[in-house]
PDB file of N, CA and C in Angstrom:
ATOM      1  N   MET A   1     133.563  74.869 195.600  1.00  0.00           N
ATOM      2  CA  MET A   1     133.293  75.704 196.764  1.00  0.00           C
ATOM      3  C   MET A   1     133.152  74.442 197.949  1.00  0.00           C
ATOM      4  N   VAL A   2     132.684  73.523 198.290  1.00  0.00           N
ATOM      5  CA  VAL A   2     132.258  72.263 198.847  1.00  0.00           C
ATOM      6  C   VAL A   2     134.001  72.000 199.202  1.00  0.00           C
ATOM      7  N   GLY A   3     134.400  71.596 198.367  1.00  0.00           N
ATOM      8  CA  GLY A   3     135.797  70.977 198.658  1.00  0.00           C
ATOM      9  C   GLY A   3     136.826  72.278 199.592  1.00  0.00           C
ATOM     10  N   LEU A   4     136.570  73.649 199.327  1.00  0.00           N
ATOM     11  CA  LEU A   4     136.939  74.384 200.199  1.00  0.00           C
ATOM     12  C   LEU A   4     136.549  74.444 201.753  1.00  0.00           C
ATOM     13  N   LEU A   5     135.247  73.771 202.034  1.00  0.00           N
ATOM     14  CA  LEU A   5     134.589  74.200 203.155  1.00  0.00           C
ATOM     15  C   LEU A   5     134.841  72.731 203.683  1.00  0.00           C
ATOM     16  N   TYR A   6     134.872  71.733 203.185  1.00  0.00           N
ATOM     17  CA  TYR A   6     135.516  70.757 203.693  1.00  0.00           C
ATOM     18  C   TYR A   6     136.918  70.744 204.280  1.00  0.00           C
ATOM     19  N   SER A   7     137.755  71.056 202.964  1.00  0.00           N
ATOM     20  CA  SER A   7     139.328  71.765 203.632  1.00  0.00           C
ATOM     21  C   SER A   7     139.221  72.768 204.996  1.00  0.00           C
ATOM     22  N   VAL A   8     138.260  73.487 204.950  1.00  0.00           N
ATOM     23  CA  VAL A   8     138.472  74.174 206.272  1.00  0.00           C
ATOM     24  C   VAL A   8     137.885  73.497 207.255  1.00  0.00           C
ATOM     25  N   LEU A   9     137.157  72.630 207.312  1.00  0.00           N
ATOM     26  CA  LEU A   9     135.915  72.740 208.726  1.00  0.00           C
ATOM     27  C   LEU A   9     135.870  71.219 208.849  1.00  0.00           C
ATOM     28  N   LEU A  10     136.936  70.580 208.167  1.00  0.00           N
ATOM     29  CA  LEU A  10     137.266  68.877 208.946  1.00  0.00           C
ATOM     30  C   LEU A  10     138.283  69.101 209.908  1.00  0.00           C
ATOM     31  N   PRO A  11     139.394  69.873 209.811  1.00  0.00           N
ATOM     32  CA  PRO A  11     140.432  69.503 210.528  1.00  0.00           C
ATOM     33  C   PRO A  11     140.185  70.355 212.266  1.00  0.00           C
ATOM     34  N   ILE A  12     139.147  70.919 212.201  1.00  0.00           N
ATOM     35  CA  ILE A  12     138.333  71.352 213.163  1.00  0.00           C
ATOM     36  C   ILE A  12     137.909  70.104 214.265  1.00  0.00           C
ATOM     37  N   PHE A  13     137.230  69.840 213.296  1.00  0.00           N
ATOM     38  CA  PHE A  13     136.598  68.582 214.185  1.00  0.00           C
ATOM     39  C   PHE A  13     137.590  67.311 214.755  1.00  0.00           C
ATOM     40  N   PRO A  14     137.397  67.756 216.289  1.00  0.00           N
ATOM     41  CA  PRO A  14     138.581  66.598 216.948  1.00  0.00           C
ATOM     42  C   PRO A  14     138.690  64.993 216.602  1.00  0.00           C
ATOM     43  N   ARG A  15     137.788  64.775 216.289  1.00  0.00           N
ATOM     44  CA  ARG A  15     137.593  63.147 215.983  1.00  0.00           C
ATOM     45  C   ARG A  15     136.681  62.405 214.973  1.00  0.00           C
ATOM     46  N   ARG A  16     136.804  61.524 214.259  1.00  0.00           N
ATOM     47  CA  ARG A  16     136.140  60.850 213.600  1.00  0.00           C
ATOM     48  C   ARG A  16     135.815  61.676 212.203  1.00  0.00           C
ATOM     49  N   PRO A  17     136.948  62.390 211.332  1.00  0.00           N
ATOM     50  CA  PRO A  17     136.988  63.311 210.241  1.00  0.00           C
ATOM     51  C   PRO A  17     136.126  62.591 209.135  1.00  0.00           C
ATOM     52  N   VAL A  18     136.207  60.939 209.154  1.00  0.00           N
ATOM     53  CA  VAL A  18     135.953  60.620 207.953  1.00  0.00           C
ATOM     54  C   VAL A  18     134.213  60.289 208.349  1.00  0.00           C
ATOM     55  N   LEU A  19     133.872  59.900 209.812  1.00  0.00           N
ATOM     56  CA  LEU A  19     132.025  60.374 209.762  1.00  0.00           C
ATOM     57  C   LEU A  19     131.800  61.620 209.434  1.00  0.00           C
ATOM     58  N   VAL A  20     132.528  62.590 210.120  1.00  0.00           N
ATOM     59  CA  VAL A  20     131.949  64.080 209.401  1.00  0.00           C
ATOM     60  C   VAL A  20     132.133  64.360 208.334  1.00  0.00           C
ATOM     61  N   GLY A  21     132.874  63.864 207.799  1.00  0.00           N
ATOM     62  CA  GLY A  21     133.276  64.218 206.070  1.00  0.00           C
ATOM     63  C   GLY A  21     132.518  63.285 204.873  1.00  0.00           C
ATOM     64  N   GLY A  22     132.381  62.039 205.747  1.00  0.00           N
ATOM     65  CA  GLY A  22     131.511  60.967 204.980  1.00  0.00           C
ATOM     66  C   GLY A  22     130.270  60.832 205.094  1.00  0.00           C
ATOM     67  N   ILE A  23     129.715  60.979 206.243  1.00  0.00           N
ATOM     68  CA  ILE A  23     128.252  60.857 206.357  1.00  0.00           C
ATOM     69  C   ILE A  23     127.389  62.416 206.314  1.00  0.00           C
ATOM     70  N   ILE A  24     128.074  63.048 207.563  1.00  0.00           N
ATOM     71  CA  ILE A  24     127.222  63.733 207.856  1.00  0.00           C
ATOM     72  C   ILE A  24     127.216  65.110 207.335  1.00  0.00           C
ATOM     73  N   ALA A  25     128.345  65.554 206.758  1.00  0.00           N
ATOM     74  CA  ALA A  25     128.154  66.494 205.975  1.00  0.00           C
ATOM     75  C   ALA A  25     127.868  66.512 204.433  1.00  0.00           C
ATOM     76  N   PRO A  26     127.896  65.507 203.832  1.00  0.00           N
ATOM     77  CA  PRO A  26     126.992  65.274 202.738  1.00  0.00           C
ATOM     78  C   PRO A  26     125.324  65.181 202.810  1.00  0.00           C
ATOM     79  N   LEU A  27     125.106  64.755 204.133  1.00  0.00           N
ATOM     80  CA  LEU A  27     123.608  64.069 204.136  1.00  0.00           C
ATOM     81  C   LEU A  27     123.312  65.979 204.258  1.00  0.00           C
ATOM     82  N   LEU A  28     123.977  67.129 204.997  1.00  0.00           N
ATOM     83  CA  LEU A  28     123.218  68.538 205.358  1.00  0.00           C
ATOM     84  C   LEU A  28     123.691  69.372 203.657  1.00  0.00           C
ATOM     85  N   TRP A  29     124.629  69.249 203.336  1.00  0.00           N
ATOM     86  CA  TRP A  29     124.417  69.833 202.048  1.00  0.00           C
ATOM     87  C   TRP A  29     123.800  69.014 200.929  1.00  0.00           C
ATOM     88  N   SER A  30     123.425  67.872 200.801  1.00  0.00           N
ATOM     89  CA  SER A  30     122.605  67.518 199.754  1.00  0.00           C
ATOM     90  C   SER A  30     121.370  68.047 199.882  1.00  0.00           C
ATOM     91  N   GLY A  31     121.138  67.658 201.403  1.00  0.00           N
ATOM     92  CA  GLY A  31     119.829  68.035 201.893  1.00  0.00           C
ATOM     93  C   GLY A  31     119.503  69.692 201.077  1.00  0.00           C
ATOM     94  N   LEU A  32     120.396  70.636 201.303  1.00  0.00           N
ATOM     95  CA  LEU A  32     119.892  71.894 201.256  1.00  0.00           C
ATOM     96  C   LEU A  32     120.348  72.213 200.247  1.00  0.00           C
ATOM     97  N   LEU A  33     121.008  71.972 199.414  1.00  0.00           N
ATOM     98  CA  LEU A  33     120.609  71.756 197.830  1.00  0.00           C
ATOM     99  C   LEU A  33     119.360  71.809 197.019  1.00  0.00           C
ATOM    100  N   TYR A  34     119.205  70.292 197.637  1.00  0.00           N
ATOM    101  CA  TYR A  34     117.837  69.650 197.166  1.00  0.00           C
ATOM    102  C   TYR A  34     116.762  70.790 197.585  1.00  0.00           C
ATOM    103  N   THR A  35     116.331  70.946 198.751  1.00  0.00           N
ATOM    104  CA  THR A  35     115.481  71.445 199.341  1.00  0.00           C
ATOM    105  C   THR A  35     115.425  73.138 198.681  1.00  0.00           C
ATOM    106  N   ALA A  36     116.849  73.710 198.050  1.00  0.00           N
ATOM    107  CA  ALA A  36     117.098  75.126 197.639  1.00  0.00           C
ATOM    108  C   ALA A  36     117.122  75.109 196.084  1.00  0.00           C
ATOM    109  N   GLN A  37     117.256  74.052 195.822  1.00  0.00           N
ATOM    110  CA  GLN A  37     117.781  74.305 194.191  1.00  0.00           C
ATOM    111  C   GLN A  37     116.694  74.983 193.302  1.00  0.00           C
ATOM    112  N   ASP A  38     115.628  74.461 193.859  1.00  0.00           N
ATOM    113  CA  ASP A  38     114.216  75.137 192.817  1.00  0.00           C
ATOM    114  C   ASP A  38     114.259  76.795 193.013  1.00  0.00           C
ATOM    115  N   ILE A  39     114.180  77.074 194.074  1.00  0.00           N
ATOM    116  CA  ILE A  39     114.765  78.376 194.575  1.00  0.00           C
ATOM    117  C   ILE A  39     115.833  79.342 193.715  1.00  0.00           C
ATOM    118  N   ILE A  40     117.022  78.473 193.813  1.00  0.00           N
ATOM    119  CA  ILE A  40     118.520  79.170 193.347  1.00  0.00           C
ATOM    120  C   ILE A  40     118.187  78.983 191.883  1.00  0.00           C
ATOM    121  N   ASN A  41     118.099  77.854 191.151  1.00  0.00           N
ATOM    122  CA  ASN A  41     118.215  77.701 189.586  1.00  0.00           C
ATOM    123  C   ASN A  41     117.239  76.336 189.200  1.00  0.00           C
ATOM    124  N   PRO A  42     115.717  76.472 188.749  1.00  0.00           N
ATOM    125  CA  PRO A  42     115.214  75.691 188.845  1.00  0.00           C
ATOM    126  C   PRO A  42     115.855  75.026 187.289  1.00  0.00           C
ATOM    127  N   ALA A  43     116.391  75.245 186.806  1.00  0.00           N
ATOM    128  CA  ALA A  43     116.977  74.922 184.836  1.00  0.00           C
ATOM    129  C   ALA A  43     118.122  73.772 185.420  1.00  0.00           C
ATOM    130  N   LEU A  44     118.750  74.048 186.313  1.00  0.00           N
ATOM    131  CA  LEU A  44     120.016  73.267 186.690  1.00  0.00           C
ATOM    132  C   LEU A  44     119.129  72.069 187.415  1.00  0.00           C
ATOM    133  N   ASN A  45     118.312  72.507 188.325  1.00  0.00           N
ATOM    134  CA  ASN A  45     117.486  71.328 188.956  1.00  0.00           C
ATOM    135  C   ASN A  45     117.065  70.273 188.008  1.00  0.00           C
ATOM    136  N   ALA A  46     116.412  70.636 186.947  1.00  0.00           N
ATOM    137  CA  ALA A  46     116.126  69.970 186.070  1.00  0.00           C
ATOM    138  C   ALA A  46     117.036  68.667 185.591  1.00  0.00           C
ATOM    139  N   ARG A  47     118.672  69.414 185.672  1.00  0.00           N
ATOM    140  CA  ARG A  47     119.434  68.948 184.892  1.00  0.00           C
ATOM    141  C   ARG A  47     119.978  67.981 186.181  1.00  0.00           C
ATOM    142  N   ILE A  48     119.718  68.172 187.101  1.00  0.00           N
ATOM    143  CA  ILE A  48     121.008  66.956 188.177  1.00  0.00           C
ATOM    144  C   ILE A  48     120.289  65.909 188.346  1.00  0.00           C
ATOM    145  N   ASP A  49     121.487  64.942 188.267  1.00  0.00           N
ATOM    146  CA  ASP A  49     120.765  63.090 188.596  1.00  0.00           C
ATOM    147  C   ASP A  49     120.921  63.487 190.148  1.00  0.00           C
ATOM    148  N   TRP A  50     119.997  63.593 191.077  1.00  0.00           N
ATOM    149  CA  TRP A  50     120.327  63.960 192.843  1.00  0.00           C
ATOM    150  C   TRP A  50     120.723  62.613 193.087  1.00  0.00           C
ATOM    151  N   PRO A  51     120.135  61.173 193.231  1.00  0.00           N
ATOM    152  CA  PRO A  51     121.325  59.775 193.553  1.00  0.00           C
ATOM    153  C   PRO A  51     122.590  60.042 193.287  1.00  0.00           C
ATOM    154  N   TRP A  52     123.314  60.359 192.032  1.00  0.00           N
ATOM    155  CA  TRP A  52     124.700  60.277 191.736  1.00  0.00           C
ATOM    156  C   TRP A  52     124.984  61.553 192.140  1.00  0.00           C
ATOM    157  N   PHE A  53     124.475  62.360 192.261  1.00  0.00           N
ATOM    158  CA  PHE A  53     125.114  63.866 193.026  1.00  0.00           C
ATOM    159  C   PHE A  53     125.085  63.848 194.846  1.00  0.00           C
ATOM    160  N   MET A  54     124.568  62.655 195.371  1.00  0.00           N
ATOM    161  CA  MET A  54     124.491  62.425 196.509  1.00  0.00           C
ATOM    162  C   MET A  54     125.442  61.185 196.899  1.00  0.00           C
ATOM    163  N   ALA A  55     125.758  60.928 195.798  1.00  0.00           N
ATOM    164  CA  ALA A  55     126.591  59.624 195.705  1.00  0.00           C
ATOM    165  C   ALA A  55     128.174  59.993 195.855  1.00  0.00           C
ATOM    166  N   PHE A  56     128.181  61.211 194.817  1.00  0.00           N
ATOM    167  CA  PHE A  56     129.768  61.170 194.837  1.00  0.00           C
ATOM    168  C   PHE A  56     129.557  62.196 195.783  1.00  0.00           C
ATOM    169  N   GLN A  57     128.759  63.107 196.301  1.00  0.00           N
ATOM    170  CA  GLN A  57     129.184  63.982 197.459  1.00  0.00           C
ATOM    171  C   GLN A  57     129.493  63.103 198.710  1.00  0.00           C
ATOM    172  N   PHE A  58     128.968  61.641 199.261  1.00  0.00           N
ATOM    173  CA  PHE A  58     129.568  60.783 199.666  1.00  0.00           C
ATOM    174  C   PHE A  58     131.282  60.258 199.523  1.00  0.00           C
ATOM    175  N   VAL A  59     131.065  59.889 198.465  1.00  0.00           N
ATOM    176  CA  VAL A  59     132.634  59.768 198.111  1.00  0.00           C
ATOM    177  C   VAL A  59     133.498  60.287 198.419  1.00  0.00           C
ATOM    178  N   PHE A  60     133.083  62.096 198.147  1.00  0.00           N
ATOM    179  CA  PHE A  60     134.404  62.969 198.020  1.00  0.00           C
ATOM    180  C   PHE A  60     134.494  63.313 199.567  1.00  0.00           C
ATOM    181  N   GLY A  61     133.704  62.889 199.919  1.00  0.00           N
ATOM    182  CA  GLY A  61     133.563  63.491 201.710  1.00  0.00           C
ATOM    183  C   GLY A  61     134.509  62.105 203.025  1.00  0.00           C
ATOM    184  N   VAL A  62     134.340  60.847 202.203  1.00  0.00           N
ATOM    185  CA  VAL A  62     135.304  59.733 202.967  1.00  0.00           C
ATOM    186  C   VAL A  62     136.644  60.212 202.637  1.00  0.00           C
ATOM    187  N   VAL A  63     136.575  60.579 201.160  1.00  0.00           N
ATOM    188  CA  VAL A  63     138.095  60.657 200.303  1.00  0.00           C
ATOM    189  C   VAL A  63     138.639  61.618 201.581  1.00  0.00           C
ATOM    190  N   ALA A  64     138.094  62.854 201.776  1.00  0.00           N
ATOM    191  CA  ALA A  64     138.266  64.236 202.665  1.00  0.00           C
ATOM    192  C   ALA A  64     139.048  63.806 203.417  1.00  0.00           C
ATOM    193  N   GLY A  65     137.829  63.254 204.284  1.00  0.00           N
ATOM    194  CA  GLY A  65     137.932  62.707 205.859  1.00  0.00           C
ATOM    195  C   GLY A  65     139.333  61.722 206.218  1.00  0.00           C
ATOM    196  N   LEU A  66     139.227  60.909 205.152  1.00  0.00           N
ATOM    197  CA  LEU A  66     140.897  59.644 205.014  1.00  0.00           C
ATOM    198  C   LEU A  66     141.791  60.450 204.959  1.00  0.00           C
ATOM    199  N   VAL A  67     141.955  61.977 204.297  1.00  0.00           N
ATOM    200  CA  VAL A  67     142.980  62.440 204.184  1.00  0.00           C
ATOM    201  C   VAL A  67     143.197  63.488 205.036  1.00  0.00           C
ATOM    202  N   VAL A  68     142.143  63.760 205.639  1.00  0.00           N
ATOM    203  CA  VAL A  68     142.219  64.773 207.222  1.00  0.00           C
ATOM    204  C   VAL A  68     142.859  63.810 208.378  1.00  0.00           C
ATOM    205  N   ALA A  69     142.569  62.567 208.500  1.00  0.00           N
ATOM    206  CA  ALA A  69     142.436  61.550 209.593  1.00  0.00           C
ATOM    207  C   ALA A  69     144.283  61.248 209.139  1.00  0.00           C
ATOM    208  N   ARG A  70     144.693  61.000 208.013  1.00  0.00           N
ATOM    209  CA  ARG A  70     146.129  60.495 207.952  1.00  0.00           C
ATOM    210  C   ARG A  70     147.366  61.674 208.396  1.00  0.00           C
ATOM    211  N   HIS A  71     146.957  62.978 208.128  1.00  0.00           N
ATOM    212  CA  HIS A  71     147.889  64.032 208.115  1.00  0.00           C
ATOM    213  C   HIS A  71     148.275  63.923 209.507  1.00  0.00           C
ATOM    214  N   GLU A  72     149.435  64.702 209.807  1.00  0.00           N
ATOM    215  CA  GLU A  72     149.821  65.007 211.228  1.00  0.00           C
ATOM    216  C   GLU A  72     149.280  66.291 212.028  1.00  0.00           C
ATOM    217  N   ARG A  73     148.727  66.329 213.214  1.00  0.00           N
ATOM    218  CA  ARG A  73     148.231  67.236 213.463  1.00  0.00           C
ATOM    219  C   ARG A  73     148.986  67.726 213.951  1.00  0.00           C
ATOM    220  N   VAL A  74     148.393  69.471 213.952  1.00  0.00           N
ATOM    221  CA  VAL A  74     149.888  70.899 213.873  1.00  0.00           C
ATOM    222  C   VAL A  74     149.324  71.279 215.482  1.00  0.00           C
ATOM    223  N   PHE A  75     149.931  71.397 216.310  1.00  0.00           N
ATOM    224  CA  PHE A  75     149.981  71.873 217.788  1.00  0.00           C
ATOM    225  C   PHE A  75     149.623  73.776 217.040  1.00  0.00           C
ATOM    226  N   THR A  76     148.751  73.887 218.112  1.00  0.00           N
ATOM    227  CA  THR A  76     148.226  74.916 218.218  1.00  0.00           C
ATOM    228  C   THR A  76     147.806  75.555 219.410  1.00  0.00           C
ATOM    229  N   LEU A  77     148.114  76.922 219.691  1.00  0.00           N
ATOM    230  CA  LEU A  77     147.901  77.566 221.144  1.00  0.00           C
ATOM    231  C   LEU A  77     146.502  77.997 221.320  1.00  0.00           C
ATOM    232  N   GLN A  78     145.612  77.624 220.641  1.00  0.00           N
ATOM    233  CA  GLN A  78     143.797  77.751 220.931  1.00  0.00           C
ATOM    234  C   GLN A  78     143.474  77.342 221.996  1.00  0.00           C
ATOM    235  N   TYR A  79     143.719  75.859 222.786  1.00  0.00           N
ATOM    236  CA  TYR A  79     143.402  75.596 224.367  1.00  0.00           C
ATOM    237  C   TYR A  79     144.530  76.125 225.113  1.00  0.00           C
ATOM    238  N   LEU A  80     145.314  76.832 224.966  1.00  0.00           N
ATOM    239  CA  LEU A  80     145.970  77.536 226.359  1.00  0.00           C
ATOM    240  C   LEU A  80     145.788  78.753 226.755  1.00  0.00           C
ATOM    241  N   PRO A  81     145.568  79.306 228.135  1.00  0.00           N
ATOM    242  CA  PRO A  81     145.343  80.224 228.425  1.00  0.00           C
ATOM    243  C   PRO A  81     145.667  81.362 227.932  1.00  0.00           C
ATOM    244  N   ILE A  82     144.793  82.337 227.063  1.00  0.00           N
ATOM    245  CA  ILE A  82     144.823  84.007 226.463  1.00  0.00           C
ATOM    246  C   ILE A  82     146.318  84.643 227.357  1.00  0.00           C
ATOM    247  N   ALA A  83     146.630  84.676 228.709  1.00  0.00           N
ATOM    248  CA  ALA A  83     147.846  84.932 229.528  1.00  0.00           C
ATOM    249  C   ALA A  83     149.099  84.199 228.174  1.00  0.00           C
ATOM    250  N   VAL A  84     148.613  83.371 228.490  1.00  0.00           N
ATOM    251  CA  VAL A  84     150.087  82.370 227.725  1.00  0.00           C
ATOM    252  C   VAL A  84     150.250  82.429 225.858  1.00  0.00           C
ATOM    253  N   ARG A  85     149.466  82.495 225.552  1.00  0.00           N
ATOM    254  CA  ARG A  85     149.088  83.019 223.718  1.00  0.00           C
ATOM    255  C   ARG A  85     149.975  84.377 223.934  1.00  0.00           C
ATOM    256  N   LEU A  86     149.272  85.473 224.452  1.00  0.00           N
ATOM    257  CA  LEU A  86     149.668  86.470 224.693  1.00  0.00           C
ATOM    258  C   LEU A  86     151.477  86.886 224.953  1.00  0.00           C
ATOM    259  N   GLY A  87     151.878  85.919 225.388  1.00  0.00           N
ATOM    260  CA  GLY A  87     153.234  86.021 226.078  1.00  0.00           C
ATOM    261  C   GLY A  87     153.754  86.561 227.293  1.00  0.00           C
ATOM    262  N   VAL A  88     152.547  86.679 228.177  1.00  0.00           N
ATOM    263  CA  VAL A  88     153.026  87.341 228.909  1.00  0.00           C
ATOM    264  C   VAL A  88     153.494  86.278 230.508  1.00  0.00           C
ATOM    265  N   GLU A  89     154.700  86.593 231.107  1.00  0.00           N
ATOM    266  CA  GLU A  89     155.294  86.170 232.086  1.00  0.00           C
ATOM    267  C   GLU A  89     154.811  86.331 232.929  1.00  0.00           C
ATOM    268  N   ALA A  90     154.374  85.690 233.561  1.00  0.00           N
ATOM    269  CA  ALA A  90     154.031  85.680 235.052  1.00  0.00           C
ATOM    270  C   ALA A  90     153.748  84.367 235.918  1.00  0.00           C
ATOM    271  N   PRO A  91     154.550  84.479 236.899  1.00  0.00           N
ATOM    272  CA  PRO A  91     154.469  82.983 237.513  1.00  0.00           C
ATOM    273  C   PRO A  91     153.135  82.359 237.699  1.00  0.00           C
ATOM    274  N   GLY A  92     153.449  81.172 237.096  1.00  0.00           N
ATOM    275  CA  GLY A  92     152.484  79.807 237.185  1.00  0.00           C
ATOM    276  C   GLY A  92     151.973  79.752 235.591  1.00  0.00           C
ATOM    277  N   PHE A  93     151.993  80.338 234.996  1.00  0.00           N
ATOM    278  CA  PHE A  93     151.769  80.264 233.568  1.00  0.00           C
ATOM    279  C   PHE A  93     152.445  79.831 232.962  1.00  0.00           C
ATOM    280  N   MET A  94     154.065  80.292 232.822  1.00  0.00           N
ATOM    281  CA  MET A  94     155.106  79.966 231.922  1.00  0.00           C
ATOM    282  C   MET A  94     156.218  78.822 232.923  1.00  0.00           C
ATOM    283  N   ALA A  95     156.908  78.055 232.289  1.00  0.00           N
ATOM    284  CA  ALA A  95     158.088  77.620 232.745  1.00  0.00           C
ATOM    285  C   ALA A  95     159.173  78.294 233.386  1.00  0.00           C
ATOM    286  N   GLU A  96     159.865  78.225 234.147  1.00  0.00           N
ATOM    287  CA  GLU A  96     161.139  78.864 235.159  1.00  0.00           C
ATOM    288  C   GLU A  96     162.077  79.009 234.169  1.00  0.00           C
ATOM    289  N   LYS A  97     162.824  80.140 234.108  1.00  0.00           N
ATOM    290  CA  LYS A  97     163.926  80.164 232.798  1.00  0.00           C
ATOM    291  C   LYS A  97     164.892  79.066 233.384  1.00  0.00           C
ATOM    292  N   ASN A  98     164.646  78.752 234.526  1.00  0.00           N
ATOM    293  CA  ASN A  98     166.372  77.909 234.950  1.00  0.00           C
ATOM    294  C   ASN A  98     165.636  76.174 234.612  1.00  0.00           C
ATOM    295  N   GLY A  99     164.471  75.868 233.927  1.00  0.00           N
ATOM    296  CA  GLY A  99     164.022  74.702 233.472  1.00  0.00           C
ATOM    297  C   GLY A  99     163.296  73.963 234.613  1.00  0.00           C
ATOM    298  N   GLU A 100     162.512  74.577 235.798  1.00  0.00           N
ATOM    299  CA  GLU A 100     161.538  74.449 236.612  1.00  0.00           C
ATOM    300  C   GLU A 100     160.246  74.643 235.875  1.00  0.00           C
ATOM    301  N   GLU A 101     159.508  73.723 235.864  1.00  0.00           N
ATOM    302  CA  GLU A 101     157.832  73.448 235.950  1.00  0.00           C
ATOM    303  C   GLU A 101     157.378  74.272 236.752  1.00  0.00           C
ATOM    304  N   PRO A 102     156.080  75.106 236.219  1.00  0.00           N
ATOM    305  CA  PRO A 102     155.269  75.662 236.808  1.00  0.00           C
ATOM    306  C   PRO A 102     154.845  75.218 238.464  1.00  0.00           C
ATOM    307  N   LYS A 103     154.499  75.475 239.893  1.00  0.00           N
ATOM    308  CA  LYS A 103     153.950  75.154 240.514  1.00  0.00           C
ATOM    309  C   LYS A 103     152.401  75.191 240.225  1.00  0.00           C
ATOM    310  N   PRO A 104     151.831  74.098 240.508  1.00  0.00           N
ATOM    311  CA  PRO A 104     149.907  74.385 240.399  1.00  0.00           C
ATOM    312  C   PRO A 104     149.428  74.765 241.798  1.00  0.00           C
TER     313      PRO A 104
END
């Protein structure tokens, strides 16, 4: 589950995925689990070695951040206006057919 969260959330952050994946996310995730584990499963909480668990969370986060940082960014349309994403062909939104750029 943690791997799925990392793989979905790390590419969303525009900068410093190693910082987010290696420090911020493990602190939040480990803190949340540490405080809630007594309620969720007290028997499992008694068997978790929390310093090692947190250390491995940091290592996993750094590796996941490095993998995301080294991959090529994929162009998405999320920052374009809604009319362009919908394919509305109106003056000023799209490039003209003869190759001219739209005028501001």
